[in-house]
Protein backbone atom coordinates (compact mmCIF):
# COMPACT_ATOMS: atom_id res chain seq x y z
CA MET A 1 99.22 73.13 70.79
CA ASP A 2 95.49 73.82 70.98
CA LYS A 3 95.24 76.66 68.46
CA ARG A 4 91.45 76.76 68.71
CA LEU A 5 91.72 77.58 72.40
CA ILE A 6 94.27 80.30 71.64
CA PHE A 7 92.01 81.85 69.00
CA ARG A 8 89.01 81.73 71.34
CA LEU A 9 90.86 83.37 74.24
CA LEU A 10 92.34 86.03 71.96
CA GLY A 11 88.85 86.65 70.55
CA GLN A 12 87.48 87.14 74.07
CA LEU A 13 90.37 89.47 74.89
CA VAL A 14 89.76 91.60 71.80
CA GLY A 15 86.03 91.55 72.59
CA ALA A 16 86.73 92.99 76.06
CA PHE A 17 88.97 95.60 74.43
CA THR A 18 86.10 96.52 72.08
CA ALA A 19 83.76 97.00 75.04
CA VAL A 20 86.22 99.40 76.69
CA LEU A 21 86.25 101.54 73.53
CA PHE A 22 82.62 102.50 74.20
CA ILE A 23 83.73 104.60 77.19
CA PRO A 24 85.77 107.15 75.14
CA LEU A 25 82.98 106.95 72.54
CA LEU A 26 80.59 108.19 75.24
CA ALA A 27 83.10 110.90 76.16
CA ALA A 28 83.18 111.98 72.50
CA LEU A 29 79.39 112.16 72.45
CA LEU A 30 79.40 114.41 75.51
CA GLU A 31 82.51 116.53 75.00
CA ASP A 32 83.71 116.57 71.37
CA PHE A 33 81.14 115.14 68.98
CA GLU A 34 83.30 115.88 65.93
CA HIS A 35 85.70 113.11 66.99
CA ILE A 36 83.08 110.40 67.45
CA MET A 37 84.10 108.56 64.26
CA LEU A 38 87.59 107.90 65.67
CA PHE A 39 86.06 105.42 68.07
CA VAL A 40 83.30 104.18 65.79
CA TRP A 41 85.86 102.97 63.25
CA SER A 42 88.06 101.58 66.01
CA ILE A 43 85.11 99.64 67.46
CA LEU A 44 84.23 98.25 64.04
CA CYS A 45 87.81 97.09 63.40
CA SER A 46 88.37 95.46 66.78
CA GLY A 47 84.84 94.02 66.86
CA THR A 48 85.33 92.40 63.45
CA LEU A 49 88.66 90.94 64.54
CA SER A 50 87.07 89.58 67.72
CA PHE A 51 84.32 87.91 65.69
CA VAL A 52 86.85 86.30 63.33
CA LEU A 53 88.99 84.98 66.19
CA LEU A 54 85.98 83.59 68.05
CA SER A 55 84.78 81.89 64.88
CA LEU A 56 88.15 80.22 64.45
CA GLY A 57 88.20 79.21 68.09
CA GLY A 58 84.83 77.54 68.36
CA SER A 59 83.39 76.64 71.78
CA ARG A 60 84.42 73.85 74.13
CA PRO A 61 83.57 74.23 77.83
CA ASN A 62 86.00 73.56 80.70
CA GLN A 63 89.11 73.47 78.54
CA ARG A 64 92.41 73.27 80.40
CA LEU A 65 94.89 76.08 80.00
CA ARG A 66 98.33 74.55 79.58
CA ASN A 67 101.63 76.37 79.76
CA ARG A 68 102.12 76.59 76.01
CA GLU A 69 98.67 78.03 75.25
CA ALA A 70 98.94 80.47 78.15
CA LEU A 71 102.24 81.85 76.89
CA ALA A 72 100.85 82.23 73.37
CA VAL A 73 97.76 84.07 74.61
CA VAL A 74 99.75 86.42 76.85
CA GLY A 75 102.44 87.26 74.30
CA CYS A 76 100.20 87.57 71.23
CA GLY A 77 97.40 89.19 73.22
CA TRP A 78 99.63 91.94 74.56
CA LEU A 79 101.05 92.73 71.14
CA LEU A 80 97.58 92.67 69.60
CA ILE A 81 96.06 95.01 72.18
CA CYS A 82 98.93 97.50 71.92
CA ALA A 83 98.43 97.58 68.13
CA LEU A 84 94.65 97.98 68.37
CA GLY A 85 95.04 100.68 71.01
CA ALA A 86 96.82 102.85 68.44
CA LEU A 87 93.76 102.94 66.15
CA PRO A 88 92.01 105.99 67.72
CA TYR A 89 95.21 108.03 67.32
CA LEU A 90 95.60 106.90 63.71
CA TRP A 91 92.00 107.45 62.58
CA GLY A 92 92.16 111.06 63.74
CA GLY A 93 95.41 111.72 61.93
CA ILE A 94 96.77 112.99 65.24
CA LEU A 95 99.90 110.86 65.23
CA ASP A 96 101.98 108.89 62.73
CA PRO A 97 101.88 105.05 63.02
CA VAL A 98 105.06 104.65 65.11
CA THR A 99 104.11 107.46 67.50
CA ALA A 100 100.54 106.13 67.81
CA LEU A 101 101.92 102.68 68.68
CA PHE A 102 104.29 104.36 71.15
CA GLU A 103 101.40 106.11 72.96
CA SER A 104 99.31 102.95 73.03
CA THR A 105 102.18 100.79 74.27
CA SER A 106 103.08 103.36 76.90
CA GLY A 107 99.50 103.22 78.16
CA PHE A 108 98.93 99.46 78.22
CA THR A 109 102.36 98.72 79.69
CA THR A 110 101.69 101.40 82.37
CA THR A 111 104.95 103.15 81.50
CA GLY A 112 103.17 106.48 81.31
CA VAL A 113 105.36 108.46 78.92
CA THR A 114 104.29 110.52 75.95
CA THR A 115 105.78 112.13 72.85
CA ALA A 116 103.37 115.08 73.06
CA ARG A 117 104.83 118.40 74.14
CA SER A 118 101.37 119.56 75.14
CA PHE A 119 98.04 117.81 75.55
CA GLU A 120 96.18 120.70 73.93
CA GLU A 121 96.50 118.94 70.56
CA PHE A 122 94.54 115.93 71.88
CA PRO A 123 90.71 115.93 71.99
CA LYS A 124 89.18 115.24 75.41
CA SER A 125 87.92 111.85 74.26
CA ILE A 126 91.49 110.86 73.32
CA LEU A 127 92.69 111.96 76.76
CA VAL A 128 90.03 109.73 78.30
CA TRP A 129 91.28 106.89 76.11
CA ARG A 130 94.84 107.45 77.34
CA CYS A 131 93.66 107.14 80.95
CA LEU A 132 91.74 103.95 80.18
CA THR A 133 94.66 102.26 78.44
CA HIS A 134 96.63 102.85 81.62
CA TRP A 135 94.02 101.45 83.96
CA CYS A 136 93.23 98.44 81.79
CA GLY A 137 96.93 97.77 81.34
CA GLY A 138 97.28 97.70 85.12
CA ILE A 139 94.69 94.98 85.64
CA GLY A 140 96.17 93.10 82.68
CA VAL A 141 99.54 93.08 84.43
CA ILE A 142 97.98 91.66 87.60
CA MET A 143 96.36 88.83 85.65
CA LEU A 144 99.68 88.18 83.92
CA PHE A 145 101.48 87.71 87.22
CA ILE A 146 98.77 85.93 89.17
CA VAL A 147 97.61 83.49 86.50
CA ILE A 148 100.42 83.04 83.99
CA MET A 149 103.88 84.09 85.12
CA PRO A 150 104.22 81.91 88.25
CA GLN A 151 104.76 78.97 85.91
CA VAL A 152 107.24 80.74 83.67
CA SER A 153 109.86 83.02 85.23
CA GLY A 154 109.91 81.77 88.80
CA GLY A 155 109.64 83.70 92.00
CA ASN A 156 105.97 84.55 91.88
CA ALA A 157 104.43 81.17 92.70
CA MET A 158 105.73 81.46 96.25
CA PHE A 159 103.23 84.22 96.90
CA ASN A 160 100.14 82.68 95.33
CA ALA A 161 99.22 79.93 97.78
CA GLU A 162 95.53 80.55 97.25
CA MET A 163 95.84 79.70 93.56
CA PRO A 164 97.79 76.43 93.62
CA GLY A 165 98.56 73.88 90.97
CA GLY A 166 100.16 73.80 87.58
CA PHE A 167 98.38 74.64 84.36
CA ALA A 168 97.26 71.06 83.90
CA GLU A 169 95.13 71.47 87.04
CA ARG A 170 93.74 74.90 86.28
CA THR A 171 90.47 74.87 84.38
CA LEU A 172 89.32 78.10 82.78
CA PRO A 173 86.26 78.51 85.08
CA ARG A 174 88.53 78.40 88.12
CA ILE A 175 90.90 80.96 86.63
CA ARG A 176 87.98 83.23 85.77
CA LYS A 177 86.70 83.06 89.35
CA SER A 178 90.07 84.08 90.78
CA ALA A 179 90.51 86.80 88.15
CA ALA A 180 87.03 88.20 88.79
CA MET A 181 87.71 88.60 92.51
CA ILE A 182 91.02 90.36 91.92
CA CYS A 183 89.50 92.63 89.25
CA GLY A 184 86.76 93.49 91.71
CA ALA A 185 89.32 94.50 94.33
CA TYR A 186 91.15 96.61 91.73
CA PHE A 187 87.92 98.40 90.75
CA ILE A 188 86.80 98.98 94.33
CA MET A 189 90.14 100.47 95.38
CA THR A 190 90.09 102.76 92.34
CA CYS A 191 86.63 104.01 93.35
CA ILE A 192 87.77 104.55 96.95
CA GLU A 193 90.74 106.62 95.80
CA LEU A 194 88.52 108.63 93.46
CA PHE A 195 86.13 109.36 96.34
CA LEU A 196 88.98 110.50 98.59
CA LEU A 197 90.42 112.75 95.88
CA LEU A 198 87.02 114.36 95.32
CA LEU A 199 86.84 115.01 99.08
CA GLY A 200 90.03 117.01 98.62
CA SER A 201 88.18 119.37 96.24
CA MET A 202 90.03 118.06 93.21
CA PRO A 203 88.30 118.68 89.84
CA VAL A 204 86.43 115.62 88.60
CA TYR A 205 88.46 114.93 85.44
CA GLN A 206 91.74 115.42 87.26
CA ALA A 207 90.60 113.14 90.10
CA ILE A 208 89.55 110.41 87.66
CA ASN A 209 92.86 110.61 85.84
CA LEU A 210 94.91 110.53 89.04
CA ALA A 211 92.93 107.58 90.42
CA LEU A 212 93.28 105.54 87.22
CA ALA A 213 96.98 106.35 86.82
CA THR A 214 97.81 105.68 90.47
CA MET A 215 96.11 102.28 90.70
CA ALA A 216 97.84 101.27 87.45
CA THR A 217 101.16 102.58 88.87
CA GLY A 218 101.37 104.35 85.54
CA GLY A 219 101.78 108.10 85.55
CA PHE A 220 99.82 109.33 82.53
CA SER A 221 98.61 112.84 83.25
CA TYR A 222 95.29 114.18 81.99
CA TYR A 223 96.13 117.81 82.54
CA HIS A 224 99.92 118.09 82.68
CA ALA A 225 102.66 117.20 80.24
CA ASP A 226 105.39 117.13 82.85
CA LEU A 227 105.25 117.66 86.61
CA ILE A 228 102.22 116.67 88.64
CA SER A 229 101.19 119.76 90.60
CA PHE A 230 99.29 118.42 93.58
CA GLN A 231 96.93 120.99 94.99
CA SER A 232 97.33 120.03 98.63
CA VAL A 233 99.33 117.81 100.96
CA TYR A 234 96.11 115.81 101.46
CA VAL A 235 95.94 114.87 97.77
CA GLU A 236 99.64 114.00 97.78
CA VAL A 237 99.20 111.71 100.81
CA VAL A 238 96.25 109.96 99.14
CA ALA A 239 98.38 109.40 96.03
CA VAL A 240 101.26 107.97 98.09
CA VAL A 241 98.97 105.58 99.99
CA PHE A 242 97.38 104.20 96.84
CA MET A 243 100.70 103.95 94.99
CA LEU A 244 101.80 101.69 97.85
CA ILE A 245 98.57 99.68 97.70
CA ALA A 246 98.80 99.19 93.93
CA SER A 247 102.46 98.16 94.05
CA MET A 248 101.92 95.32 96.54
CA ASN A 249 100.85 91.77 95.73
CA PHE A 250 97.16 91.63 94.81
CA SER A 251 96.93 88.00 95.84
CA LEU A 252 97.17 89.31 99.42
CA TYR A 253 94.00 91.32 98.86
CA TYR A 254 92.45 88.17 97.43
CA ARG A 255 93.26 86.36 100.67
CA ALA A 256 91.90 89.26 102.73
CA PHE A 257 88.67 89.10 100.72
CA GLN A 258 88.39 85.43 101.71
CA GLY A 259 88.87 86.36 105.37
CA ASP A 260 92.43 85.05 105.66
CA TRP A 261 94.47 87.78 107.35
CA ARG A 262 97.40 85.56 108.28
CA PHE A 263 99.44 87.08 105.46
CA ILE A 264 100.09 90.12 107.70
CA ARG A 265 102.20 87.82 109.87
CA ASP A 266 103.34 85.23 107.33
CA GLU A 267 104.19 87.14 104.16
CA SER A 268 107.59 88.81 103.95
CA GLU A 269 107.67 90.44 100.54
CA TYR A 270 105.66 93.53 101.44
CA LYS A 271 107.78 93.96 104.61
CA TYR A 272 110.99 93.98 102.55
CA TYR A 273 109.35 96.36 100.08
CA LEU A 274 108.26 98.87 102.71
CA SER A 275 111.69 98.66 104.35
CA VAL A 276 113.45 99.47 101.06
CA LEU A 277 111.16 102.46 100.43
CA ALA A 278 111.63 103.72 103.99
CA LEU A 279 115.43 103.49 103.66
CA ALA A 280 115.34 105.25 100.27
CA SER A 281 113.16 108.01 101.75
CA VAL A 282 115.70 108.56 104.53
CA PHE A 283 118.58 108.71 102.02
CA LEU A 284 116.76 111.16 99.75
CA THR A 285 115.60 113.39 102.59
CA ALA A 286 119.06 113.55 104.18
CA ASN A 287 120.83 114.22 100.89
CA LEU A 288 118.43 116.99 99.86
CA TYR A 289 118.58 118.62 103.29
CA PHE A 290 122.32 118.49 103.95
CA SER A 291 123.18 119.53 100.39
CA ASN A 292 120.93 122.57 100.94
CA TYR A 293 119.18 121.79 97.66
CA ASN A 294 117.09 124.76 96.51
CA ASN A 295 117.07 126.06 100.12
CA TYR A 296 114.31 123.59 100.96
CA SER A 297 113.29 123.25 104.59
CA PHE A 298 113.58 119.90 106.33
CA TRP A 299 109.84 119.26 105.92
CA GLN A 300 109.99 120.00 102.21
CA CYS A 301 112.92 117.61 101.84
CA LEU A 302 111.02 114.96 103.80
CA ARG A 303 107.90 115.48 101.70
CA TYR A 304 109.72 115.21 98.38
CA GLY A 305 111.93 112.38 99.62
CA ILE A 306 109.00 110.17 100.65
CA PHE A 307 106.89 111.03 97.62
CA HIS A 308 109.58 110.29 95.04
CA ALA A 309 110.83 107.16 96.80
CA VAL A 310 107.29 105.75 96.62
CA SER A 311 106.61 107.11 93.14
CA ILE A 312 109.77 105.66 91.56
CA GLY A 313 109.88 102.54 93.75
CA SER A 314 106.31 101.68 92.81
CA THR A 315 107.21 102.52 89.16
CA THR A 316 104.34 105.01 88.98
CA GLY A 317 106.59 107.80 87.78
CA PHE A 318 104.79 110.84 89.19
CA ALA A 319 107.08 113.79 89.90
CA ALA A 320 106.28 116.61 92.30
CA ASP A 321 109.71 118.20 91.76
CA ASP A 322 112.36 118.15 89.05
CA PHE A 323 114.51 115.30 90.40
CA ASN A 324 116.67 115.60 87.27
CA SER A 325 118.37 118.57 88.96
CA TRP A 326 118.77 116.83 92.34
CA PRO A 327 122.22 115.97 93.74
CA SER A 328 123.95 112.98 92.13
CA PHE A 329 123.45 110.75 95.17
CA SER A 330 119.68 111.25 95.14
CA ARG A 331 119.46 110.56 91.42
CA TYR A 332 121.46 107.37 91.90
CA VAL A 333 119.04 106.22 94.63
CA LEU A 334 116.11 106.80 92.26
CA PHE A 335 117.97 104.96 89.49
CA MET A 336 118.41 101.92 91.75
CA LEU A 337 114.73 102.02 92.75
CA MET A 338 113.79 101.80 89.06
CA PHE A 339 115.48 98.40 88.83
CA ILE A 340 114.13 97.03 92.11
CA GLY A 341 110.49 97.88 91.38
CA GLY A 342 107.49 96.77 93.44
CA CYS A 343 106.08 93.46 94.62
CA SER A 344 105.24 90.49 92.41
CA GLY A 345 101.57 90.19 91.54
CA SER A 346 101.13 93.97 91.46
CA THR A 347 100.79 96.58 88.73
CA ALA A 348 104.39 97.71 89.39
CA GLY A 349 107.28 96.91 87.08
CA GLY A 350 110.96 96.29 87.73
CA ILE A 351 112.83 93.15 88.71
CA LYS A 352 110.58 92.88 91.83
CA ILE A 353 111.64 92.98 95.45
CA SER A 354 111.02 89.24 95.91
CA ARG A 355 113.60 88.33 93.28
CA MET A 356 116.11 90.82 94.68
CA VAL A 357 115.82 89.29 98.15
CA VAL A 358 116.23 85.74 96.82
CA LEU A 359 119.24 86.82 94.74
CA ALA A 360 120.86 88.45 97.76
CA LYS A 361 120.31 85.32 99.87
CA ALA A 362 121.61 83.09 97.07
CA ALA A 363 124.78 85.21 96.86
CA TRP A 364 125.25 84.93 100.63
CA ALA A 365 124.72 81.17 100.46
CA GLU A 366 127.41 80.93 97.79
CA LEU A 367 129.85 82.82 100.02
CA LEU A 368 129.13 80.40 102.84
CA ARG A 369 129.74 77.43 100.53
CA ILE A 370 133.16 78.84 99.58
CA LEU A 371 134.10 79.10 103.25
CA HIS A 372 132.45 75.82 104.23
CA PRO A 373 132.28 73.46 101.21
CA ASN A 374 130.25 70.81 103.06
CA ILE A 375 127.60 73.14 104.44
CA VAL A 376 123.92 72.47 103.65
CA TYR A 377 122.16 75.82 103.36
CA SER A 378 118.51 76.42 102.45
CA ILE A 379 117.34 79.75 101.09
CA LYS A 380 114.19 80.92 102.84
CA PHE A 381 111.77 83.64 101.92
CA GLY A 382 109.72 84.33 105.02
CA HIS A 383 108.62 80.96 106.37
CA ARG A 384 109.01 79.17 103.02
CA ILE A 385 112.03 77.37 101.65
CA VAL A 386 112.78 78.44 98.09
CA GLU A 387 113.34 75.45 95.84
CA PRO A 388 116.74 75.31 94.07
CA GLN A 389 115.00 75.19 90.69
CA ARG A 390 113.16 78.41 91.48
CA VAL A 391 116.37 80.07 92.62
CA GLY A 392 117.90 79.05 89.29
CA ASN A 393 114.95 80.53 87.41
CA ILE A 394 115.32 83.83 89.24
CA THR A 395 119.07 83.91 88.61
CA ARG A 396 118.58 83.29 84.89
CA PHE A 397 115.88 85.97 84.74
CA PHE A 398 118.17 88.50 86.41
CA PHE A 399 121.00 87.67 83.99
CA LEU A 400 118.68 88.02 80.99
CA TYR A 401 117.25 91.28 82.35
CA ILE A 402 120.72 92.81 82.63
CA ILE A 403 121.72 91.58 79.15
CA VAL A 404 118.57 93.10 77.62
CA PHE A 405 119.22 96.34 79.52
CA LEU A 406 122.78 96.55 78.17
CA VAL A 407 121.79 95.72 74.58
CA LEU A 408 118.92 98.23 74.50
CA THR A 409 121.10 100.89 76.14
CA LEU A 410 123.63 100.39 73.36
CA ALA A 411 120.83 100.56 70.77
CA ILE A 412 119.31 103.80 72.10
CA SER A 413 122.77 105.42 72.40
CA LEU A 414 123.00 105.25 68.58
CA THR A 415 120.53 108.17 68.54
CA GLY A 416 123.30 110.38 69.94
CA MET A 417 122.00 110.35 73.50
CA GLY A 418 124.60 110.35 76.28
CA ILE A 419 125.35 107.01 77.93
CA MET A 420 123.94 107.99 81.34
CA ASP A 421 120.76 109.35 79.77
CA SER A 422 120.50 106.18 77.66
CA MET A 423 120.82 103.99 80.75
CA GLY A 424 118.17 106.00 82.59
CA LEU A 425 115.74 105.86 79.66
CA ILE A 426 116.03 102.09 79.18
CA ALA A 427 115.83 101.43 82.93
CA ALA A 428 112.69 103.58 83.12
CA CYS A 429 111.04 101.82 80.16
CA LEU A 430 112.00 98.26 81.14
CA SER A 431 110.61 98.90 84.63
CA SER A 432 107.59 100.90 83.36
CA VAL A 433 108.58 103.98 85.38
CA GLY A 434 108.40 106.56 82.60
CA PRO A 435 110.40 109.69 83.38
CA ALA A 436 114.15 109.31 83.70
CA PHE A 437 117.01 111.81 83.42
CA GLY A 438 118.36 114.25 80.87
CA ILE A 439 116.18 114.92 77.83
CA VAL A 440 113.55 112.49 79.16
CA GLY A 441 113.48 113.92 82.68
CA PRO A 442 110.31 114.70 84.65
CA THR A 443 109.94 118.18 83.10
CA CYS A 444 110.30 116.79 79.55
CA THR A 445 108.57 114.29 77.32
CA TYR A 446 109.90 111.75 74.81
CA ALA A 447 109.17 114.17 71.97
CA ASP A 448 112.83 114.61 71.04
CA LEU A 449 113.34 110.90 70.33
CA SER A 450 113.73 109.97 66.69
CA THR A 451 111.53 107.35 65.03
CA TYR A 452 114.29 104.80 65.54
CA GLY A 453 114.55 105.79 69.21
CA ARG A 454 110.80 105.38 69.65
CA VAL A 455 110.92 101.88 68.14
CA VAL A 456 113.68 100.88 70.58
CA THR A 457 111.65 102.35 73.43
CA ILE A 458 108.54 100.41 72.36
CA ILE A 459 110.56 97.18 72.40
CA ALA A 460 111.91 98.03 75.86
CA MET A 461 108.42 98.73 77.24
CA ILE A 462 106.93 95.48 75.94
CA LEU A 463 109.91 93.33 76.95
CA GLY A 464 109.89 94.79 80.45
CA ARG A 465 106.17 94.45 80.92
CA LEU A 466 106.11 90.83 79.73
CA GLU A 467 109.16 90.07 81.88
CA ILE A 468 111.29 89.28 78.80
CA PHE A 469 110.75 85.49 78.87
CA THR A 470 107.27 85.52 77.33
CA LEU A 471 108.16 87.55 74.25
CA LEU A 472 111.42 85.68 73.63
CA ILE A 473 109.72 82.29 74.01
CA ILE A 474 106.94 82.97 71.49
CA ALA A 475 109.54 84.40 69.07
CA ARG A 476 111.14 80.95 68.78
CA PRO A 477 109.90 79.02 65.70
CA SER A 478 110.02 75.76 67.68
CA PHE A 479 107.41 77.14 70.08
CA TRP A 480 104.77 76.96 67.33
CA SER A 481 105.82 73.53 66.08
CA GLN A 482 103.09 70.92 66.47
CA LYS A 483 105.72 68.19 66.86
CA LYS A 484 107.22 69.63 70.01
CA ASN A 485 105.97 68.14 73.23
CA TRP A 486 105.18 70.84 75.82
């Protein structure tokens, strides 16, 4: 293992984190000068750590990023950033250490939940910091899927044809070039959404928050502790469109930037994804209308059905209505959408639609083999044949995901929460949705969770965001052994 490379990349990551801290520092200078030292001390701490890590790492150009180093950087980097992100909350004495780590983790994992009952207790600069953790966490997720995860958990490499090769073939300059283009697309689309929201006469701070939270498929609210009260159908439509954009594979936008539009015909994942959301919208609309829920008209049912199907399916977690009081069928549809999630290579969480399709086709293939033992059946995703090894990787990931879900559900139920509420909470945190059902529904926050419950929730958010494999791999002592050949 090249520990010097790991230290250098972690130092660069912490250095980028330090640079981001200057934005809420500027907000403190403009809006609440008395809180400026929260970010000054945070900048000094993270800047010092960055300097130490860079010093340990040294400098060697054109180093190759192998699988082992990549996993170490992703796992340790994510944990490190979540811990450093809690510093502004701690310096101000606003939150205790566990709660501060909860808020930071919720932001960087784009889960978008909070323990605050009201945001009035937070200075404006801290609210700006919350928004930024969300947005930065979103682009971090994209880099995780595009650059790292295709080699680890399977399923994602099928959709990254423009970034081929294993880690032995990927030099850092090439990775930086690909990452820069995708980050540019992420930034441009955020600016476009912000412009469109401002055209809808939305206040500036609210528009900035909504744009950052939507592109990160997060859900943090700058001005509301529970429901998002959209001021017009226009603003709601803009939010739906950009939730869809952010929850689809960003490597497709990379290809479009290069002038290759063949993915519209060739790629299948986004077609499956849109089909699932359309079907869920129909189910929700019909159930709300025919159950005469709240005496809503058909158009109100259609509006809420489409919005919440996209919001939960994209794992953004915005709520325009209290779906916790919806009919059981509608809540079950939303619960299933939490697990499915968005597309691979997006800011969305969940198991991912690509894996679900491959799993369904693998199950069908197994049924055919039972009926016809000598049949030769290839699993295809679009025009590509999925390799048996990759199918095995996806199957193992799904099994591990369900095991983690069951174990964490059991753990959170020890707080006294009902089993259905426990299942909803863990599903929402593993898939980075945020609001769930019961005491953590869309009109509530996570304020009623005990310290133990918040620790379990933090673990669920990080495991889900790192797709379980990464954190479990780096937790193995053998991973760090110099004698092991990786």
